[in-house]
Amino acid sequence: PDFVKLAESYGAKGIRVTCEEDIKKALDEAKANTAGPTLIEFIIDSEEMVYPMLKPGGTLEEMLMS
């Protein structure tokens, strides 16, 4: 789903980040938005190893840290 449009449909601000260089700008924009909530969608390559990870149905004790 388009989470930016979904956020906007509920009256929130939606921001999409597609590269690392845009993270600071998105965070600054979110902090500056005093009119209501902001949702930031981070687009991450499905092959990227993002830690900590949780297996589907796993518990916090089973969290993968590396």
PDB file of N, CA and C in Angstrom:
ATOM      1  N   PRO A   1       0.820  -1.208   0.000  1.00  0.00           N
ATOM      2  CA  PRO A   1       0.000   0.000   0.000  1.00  0.00           C
ATOM      3  C   PRO A   1       0.855   1.261   0.000  1.00  0.00           C
ATOM      4  N   ASP A   2       0.268   2.340  -0.413  1.00  0.00           N
ATOM      5  CA  ASP A   2       0.946   3.633  -0.404  1.00  0.00           C
ATOM      6  C   ASP A   2       0.720   4.258   0.973  1.00  0.00           C
ATOM      7  N   PHE A   3       1.692   4.101   1.862  1.00  0.00           N
ATOM      8  CA  PHE A   3       1.536   4.562   3.239  1.00  0.00           C
ATOM      9  C   PHE A   3       1.488   6.084   3.348  1.00  0.00           C
ATOM     10  N   VAL A   4       2.123   6.787   2.420  1.00  0.00           N
ATOM     11  CA  VAL A   4       2.068   8.249   2.428  1.00  0.00           C
ATOM     12  C   VAL A   4       0.633   8.701   2.171  1.00  0.00           C
ATOM     13  N   LYS A   5       0.010   8.133   1.144  1.00  0.00           N
ATOM     14  CA  LYS A   5      -1.381   8.495   0.841  1.00  0.00           C
ATOM     15  C   LYS A   5      -2.318   8.052   1.960  1.00  0.00           C
ATOM     16  N   LEU A   6      -2.040   6.905   2.554  1.00  0.00           N
ATOM     17  CA  LEU A   6      -2.866   6.425   3.659  1.00  0.00           C
ATOM     18  C   LEU A   6      -2.796   7.399   4.836  1.00  0.00           C
ATOM     19  N   ALA A   7      -1.580   7.828   5.177  1.00  0.00           N
ATOM     20  CA  ALA A   7      -1.412   8.798   6.266  1.00  0.00           C
ATOM     21  C   ALA A   7      -2.170  10.082   5.951  1.00  0.00           C
ATOM     22  N   GLU A   8      -2.025  10.556   4.721  1.00  0.00           N
ATOM     23  CA  GLU A   8      -2.687  11.797   4.329  1.00  0.00           C
ATOM     24  C   GLU A   8      -4.207  11.658   4.353  1.00  0.00           C
ATOM     25  N   SER A   9      -4.715  10.461   4.048  1.00  0.00           N
ATOM     26  CA  SER A   9      -6.168  10.260   4.067  1.00  0.00           C
ATOM     27  C   SER A   9      -6.732  10.369   5.484  1.00  0.00           C
ATOM     28  N   TYR A  10      -5.867  10.182   6.491  1.00  0.00           N
ATOM     29  CA  TYR A  10      -6.277  10.321   7.888  1.00  0.00           C
ATOM     30  C   TYR A  10      -5.914  11.687   8.462  1.00  0.00           C
ATOM     31  N   GLY A  11      -5.429  12.586   7.608  1.00  0.00           N
ATOM     32  CA  GLY A  11      -5.106  13.932   8.060  1.00  0.00           C
ATOM     33  C   GLY A  11      -3.695  14.101   8.582  1.00  0.00           C
ATOM     34  N   ALA A  12      -2.875  13.068   8.461  1.00  0.00           N
ATOM     35  CA  ALA A  12      -1.478  13.150   8.900  1.00  0.00           C
ATOM     36  C   ALA A  12      -0.600  13.545   7.715  1.00  0.00           C
ATOM     37  N   LYS A  13       0.608  13.950   8.005  1.00  0.00           N
ATOM     38  CA  LYS A  13       1.582  14.227   6.948  1.00  0.00           C
ATOM     39  C   LYS A  13       2.299  12.925   6.633  1.00  0.00           C
ATOM     40  N   GLY A  14       2.477  12.632   5.355  1.00  0.00           N
ATOM     41  CA  GLY A  14       3.191  11.431   4.939  1.00  0.00           C
ATOM     42  C   GLY A  14       4.454  11.791   4.194  1.00  0.00           C
ATOM     43  N   ILE A  15       5.553  11.137   4.552  1.00  0.00           N
ATOM     44  CA  ILE A  15       6.851  11.371   3.910  1.00  0.00           C
ATOM     45  C   ILE A  15       7.433  10.013   3.548  1.00  0.00           C
ATOM     46  N   ARG A  16       7.989   9.905   2.335  1.00  0.00           N
ATOM     47  CA  ARG A  16       8.630   8.657   1.905  1.00  0.00           C
ATOM     48  C   ARG A  16      10.126   8.916   1.741  1.00  0.00           C
ATOM     49  N   VAL A  17      10.941   8.045   2.321  1.00  0.00           N
ATOM     50  CA  VAL A  17      12.395   8.132   2.209  1.00  0.00           C
ATOM     51  C   VAL A  17      12.869   6.928   1.400  1.00  0.00           C
ATOM     52  N   THR A  18      13.568   7.207   0.298  1.00  0.00           N
ATOM     53  CA  THR A  18      14.040   6.123  -0.566  1.00  0.00           C
ATOM     54  C   THR A  18      15.554   5.954  -0.553  1.00  0.00           C
ATOM     55  N   CYS A  19      16.268   6.919   0.036  1.00  0.00           N
ATOM     56  CA  CYS A  19      17.725   6.779   0.113  1.00  0.00           C
ATOM     57  C   CYS A  19      18.222   7.400   1.418  1.00  0.00           C
ATOM     58  N   GLU A  20      19.355   6.925   1.854  1.00  0.00           N
ATOM     59  CA  GLU A  20      19.915   7.345   3.143  1.00  0.00           C
ATOM     60  C   GLU A  20      20.129   8.854   3.223  1.00  0.00           C
ATOM     61  N   GLU A  21      20.462   9.462   2.098  1.00  0.00           N
ATOM     62  CA  GLU A  21      20.741  10.894   2.080  1.00  0.00           C
ATOM     63  C   GLU A  21      19.513  11.734   2.435  1.00  0.00           C
ATOM     64  N   ASP A  22      18.314  11.177   2.280  1.00  0.00           N
ATOM     65  CA  ASP A  22      17.081  11.926   2.535  1.00  0.00           C
ATOM     66  C   ASP A  22      16.551  11.784   3.961  1.00  0.00           C
ATOM     67  N   ILE A  23      17.205  10.983   4.787  1.00  0.00           N
ATOM     68  CA  ILE A  23      16.693  10.722   6.139  1.00  0.00           C
ATOM     69  C   ILE A  23      16.666  11.993   6.981  1.00  0.00           C
ATOM     70  N   LYS A  24      17.764  12.736   7.010  1.00  0.00           N
ATOM     71  CA  LYS A  24      17.815  13.947   7.842  1.00  0.00           C
ATOM     72  C   LYS A  24      16.750  14.946   7.416  1.00  0.00           C
ATOM     73  N   LYS A  25      16.594  15.143   6.121  1.00  0.00           N
ATOM     74  CA  LYS A  25      15.583  16.077   5.619  1.00  0.00           C
ATOM     75  C   LYS A  25      14.184  15.642   6.061  1.00  0.00           C
ATOM     76  N   ALA A  26      13.895  14.343   5.970  1.00  0.00           N
ATOM     77  CA  ALA A  26      12.575  13.832   6.363  1.00  0.00           C
ATOM     78  C   ALA A  26      12.338  14.020   7.857  1.00  0.00           C
ATOM     79  N   LEU A  27      13.351  13.742   8.668  1.00  0.00           N
ATOM     80  CA  LEU A  27      13.209  13.915  10.115  1.00  0.00           C
ATOM     81  C   LEU A  27      13.017  15.382  10.482  1.00  0.00           C
ATOM     82  N   ASP A  28      13.767  16.265   9.823  1.00  0.00           N
ATOM     83  CA  ASP A  28      13.611  17.703  10.069  1.00  0.00           C
ATOM     84  C   ASP A  28      12.208  18.170   9.681  1.00  0.00           C
ATOM     85  N   GLU A  29      11.726  17.668   8.542  1.00  0.00           N
ATOM     86  CA  GLU A  29      10.384  18.030   8.077  1.00  0.00           C
ATOM     87  C   GLU A  29       9.317  17.531   9.053  1.00  0.00           C
ATOM     88  N   ALA A  30       9.511  16.317   9.563  1.00  0.00           N
ATOM     89  CA  ALA A  30       8.553  15.750  10.520  1.00  0.00           C
ATOM     90  C   ALA A  30       8.552  16.547  11.818  1.00  0.00           C
ATOM     91  N   LYS A  31       9.736  16.934  12.297  1.00  0.00           N
ATOM     92  CA  LYS A  31       9.816  17.713  13.536  1.00  0.00           C
ATOM     93  C   LYS A  31       9.200  19.095  13.375  1.00  0.00           C
ATOM     94  N   ALA A  32       9.294  19.650  12.168  1.00  0.00           N
ATOM     95  CA  ALA A  32       8.757  20.982  11.911  1.00  0.00           C
ATOM     96  C   ALA A  32       7.235  20.973  11.762  1.00  0.00           C
ATOM     97  N   ASN A  33       6.668  19.807  11.521  1.00  0.00           N
ATOM     98  CA  ASN A  33       5.218  19.705  11.335  1.00  0.00           C
ATOM     99  C   ASN A  33       4.526  19.710  12.695  1.00  0.00           C
ATOM    100  N   THR A  34       4.035  20.871  13.085  1.00  0.00           N
ATOM    101  CA  THR A  34       3.350  20.984  14.378  1.00  0.00           C
ATOM    102  C   THR A  34       1.836  20.900  14.228  1.00  0.00           C
ATOM    103  N   ALA A  35       1.366  20.724  12.991  1.00  0.00           N
ATOM    104  CA  ALA A  35      -0.073  20.686  12.728  1.00  0.00           C
ATOM    105  C   ALA A  35      -0.702  19.343  13.077  1.00  0.00           C
ATOM    106  N   GLY A  36       0.112  18.318  13.260  1.00  0.00           N
ATOM    107  CA  GLY A  36      -0.439  16.994  13.552  1.00  0.00           C
ATOM    108  C   GLY A  36       0.621  15.922  13.409  1.00  0.00           C
ATOM    109  N   PRO A  37       0.200  14.663  13.384  1.00  0.00           N
ATOM    110  CA  PRO A  37       1.157  13.558  13.306  1.00  0.00           C
ATOM    111  C   PRO A  37       1.810  13.458  11.930  1.00  0.00           C
ATOM    112  N   THR A  38       2.986  12.845  11.914  1.00  0.00           N
ATOM    113  CA  THR A  38       3.718  12.596  10.676  1.00  0.00           C
ATOM    114  C   THR A  38       4.119  11.130  10.629  1.00  0.00           C
ATOM    115  N   LEU A  39       3.917  10.507   9.477  1.00  0.00           N
ATOM    116  CA  LEU A  39       4.362   9.138   9.246  1.00  0.00           C
ATOM    117  C   LEU A  39       5.496   9.193   8.235  1.00  0.00           C
ATOM    118  N   ILE A  40       6.620   8.546   8.558  1.00  0.00           N
ATOM    119  CA  ILE A  40       7.733   8.456   7.615  1.00  0.00           C
ATOM    120  C   ILE A  40       7.834   7.010   7.167  1.00  0.00           C
ATOM    121  N   GLU A  41       7.721   6.801   5.858  1.00  0.00           N
ATOM    122  CA  GLU A  41       7.869   5.465   5.278  1.00  0.00           C
ATOM    123  C   GLU A  41       9.292   5.347   4.739  1.00  0.00           C
ATOM    124  N   PHE A  42      10.028   4.365   5.228  1.00  0.00           N
ATOM    125  CA  PHE A  42      11.390   4.115   4.764  1.00  0.00           C
ATOM    126  C   PHE A  42      11.354   2.942   3.793  1.00  0.00           C
ATOM    127  N   ILE A  43      11.756   3.175   2.545  1.00  0.00           N
ATOM    128  CA  ILE A  43      11.805   2.122   1.537  1.00  0.00           C
ATOM    129  C   ILE A  43      13.180   1.460   1.643  1.00  0.00           C
ATOM    130  N   ILE A  44      13.177   0.165   1.969  1.00  0.00           N
ATOM    131  CA  ILE A  44      14.420  -0.573   2.186  1.00  0.00           C
ATOM    132  C   ILE A  44      14.451  -1.766   1.244  1.00  0.00           C
ATOM    133  N   ASP A  45      15.581  -1.993   0.608  1.00  0.00           N
ATOM    134  CA  ASP A  45      15.755  -3.137  -0.286  1.00  0.00           C
ATOM    135  C   ASP A  45      15.440  -4.423   0.465  1.00  0.00           C
ATOM    136  N   SER A  46      14.672  -5.294  -0.149  1.00  0.00           N
ATOM    137  CA  SER A  46      14.252  -6.534   0.520  1.00  0.00           C
ATOM    138  C   SER A  46      15.422  -7.455   0.847  1.00  0.00           C
ATOM    139  N   GLU A  47      16.557  -7.261   0.200  1.00  0.00           N
ATOM    140  CA  GLU A  47      17.739  -8.083   0.469  1.00  0.00           C
ATOM    141  C   GLU A  47      18.633  -7.477   1.553  1.00  0.00           C
ATOM    142  N   GLU A  48      18.343  -6.263   1.966  1.00  0.00           N
ATOM    143  CA  GLU A  48      19.156  -5.575   2.974  1.00  0.00           C
ATOM    144  C   GLU A  48      18.980  -6.238   4.338  1.00  0.00           C
ATOM    145  N   MET A  49      20.073  -6.410   5.036  1.00  0.00           N
ATOM    146  CA  MET A  49      20.037  -6.984   6.379  1.00  0.00           C
ATOM    147  C   MET A  49      19.847  -5.830   7.366  1.00  0.00           C
ATOM    148  N   VAL A  50      18.651  -5.717   7.898  1.00  0.00           N
ATOM    149  CA  VAL A  50      18.303  -4.630   8.809  1.00  0.00           C
ATOM    150  C   VAL A  50      18.127  -5.223  10.200  1.00  0.00           C
ATOM    151  N   TYR A  51      18.955  -4.788  11.136  1.00  0.00           N
ATOM    152  CA  TYR A  51      18.927  -5.336  12.496  1.00  0.00           C
ATOM    153  C   TYR A  51      18.438  -4.299  13.483  1.00  0.00           C
ATOM    154  N   PRO A  52      17.803  -4.705  14.550  1.00  0.00           N
ATOM    155  CA  PRO A  52      17.451  -6.081  14.908  1.00  0.00           C
ATOM    156  C   PRO A  52      16.288  -6.580  14.052  1.00  0.00           C
ATOM    157  N   MET A  53      16.252  -7.896  13.836  1.00  0.00           N
ATOM    158  CA  MET A  53      15.191  -8.532  13.062  1.00  0.00           C
ATOM    159  C   MET A  53      14.453  -9.524  13.940  1.00  0.00           C
ATOM    160  N   LEU A  54      13.206  -9.719  13.600  1.00  0.00           N
ATOM    161  CA  LEU A  54      12.371 -10.670  14.314  1.00  0.00           C
ATOM    162  C   LEU A  54      11.766 -11.615  13.291  1.00  0.00           C
ATOM    163  N   LYS A  55      11.943 -12.915  13.493  1.00  0.00           N
ATOM    164  CA  LYS A  55      11.350 -13.895  12.588  1.00  0.00           C
ATOM    165  C   LYS A  55       9.829 -13.818  12.710  1.00  0.00           C
ATOM    166  N   PRO A  56       9.106 -14.096  11.624  1.00  0.00           N
ATOM    167  CA  PRO A  56       7.639 -14.100  11.716  1.00  0.00           C
ATOM    168  C   PRO A  56       7.170 -15.029  12.834  1.00  0.00           C
ATOM    169  N   GLY A  57       6.354 -14.516  13.719  1.00  0.00           N
ATOM    170  CA  GLY A  57       5.851 -15.307  14.834  1.00  0.00           C
ATOM    171  C   GLY A  57       6.842 -15.459  15.974  1.00  0.00           C
ATOM    172  N   GLY A  58       8.032 -14.850  15.831  1.00  0.00           N
ATOM    173  CA  GLY A  58       9.061 -14.974  16.857  1.00  0.00           C
ATOM    174  C   GLY A  58       8.801 -14.075  18.049  1.00  0.00           C
ATOM    175  N   THR A  59       9.519 -14.338  19.113  1.00  0.00           N
ATOM    176  CA  THR A  59       9.404 -13.533  20.327  1.00  0.00           C
ATOM    177  C   THR A  59      10.585 -12.570  20.412  1.00  0.00           C
ATOM    178  N   LEU A  60      10.501 -11.613  21.320  1.00  0.00           N
ATOM    179  CA  LEU A  60      11.605 -10.666  21.487  1.00  0.00           C
ATOM    180  C   LEU A  60      12.885 -11.367  21.920  1.00  0.00           C
ATOM    181  N   GLU A  61      12.754 -12.473  22.643  1.00  0.00           N
ATOM    182  CA  GLU A  61      13.931 -13.230  23.068  1.00  0.00           C
ATOM    183  C   GLU A  61      14.642 -13.878  21.876  1.00  0.00           C
ATOM    184  N   GLU A  62      13.939 -14.047  20.761  1.00  0.00           N
ATOM    185  CA  GLU A  62      14.513 -14.673  19.562  1.00  0.00           C
ATOM    186  C   GLU A  62      15.001 -13.639  18.545  1.00  0.00           C
ATOM    187  N   MET A  63      15.089 -12.381  18.958  1.00  0.00           N
ATOM    188  CA  MET A  63      15.490 -11.310  18.064  1.00  0.00           C
ATOM    189  C   MET A  63      16.898 -11.559  17.529  1.00  0.00           C
ATOM    190  N   LEU A  64      17.088 -11.349  16.219  1.00  0.00           N
ATOM    191  CA  LEU A  64      18.394 -11.500  15.582  1.00  0.00           C
ATOM    192  C   LEU A  64      19.119 -10.165  15.645  1.00  0.00           C
ATOM    193  N   MET A  65      20.313 -10.166  16.202  1.00  0.00           N
ATOM    194  CA  MET A  65      21.066  -8.930  16.367  1.00  0.00           C
ATOM    195  C   MET A  65      22.206  -8.777  15.369  1.00  0.00           C
ATOM    196  N   SER A  66      22.525  -9.822  14.629  1.00  0.00           N
ATOM    197  CA  SER A  66      23.583  -9.711  13.609  1.00  0.00           C
ATOM    198  C   SER A  66      23.447 -10.817  12.604  1.00  0.00           C
TER     199      SER A  66
END
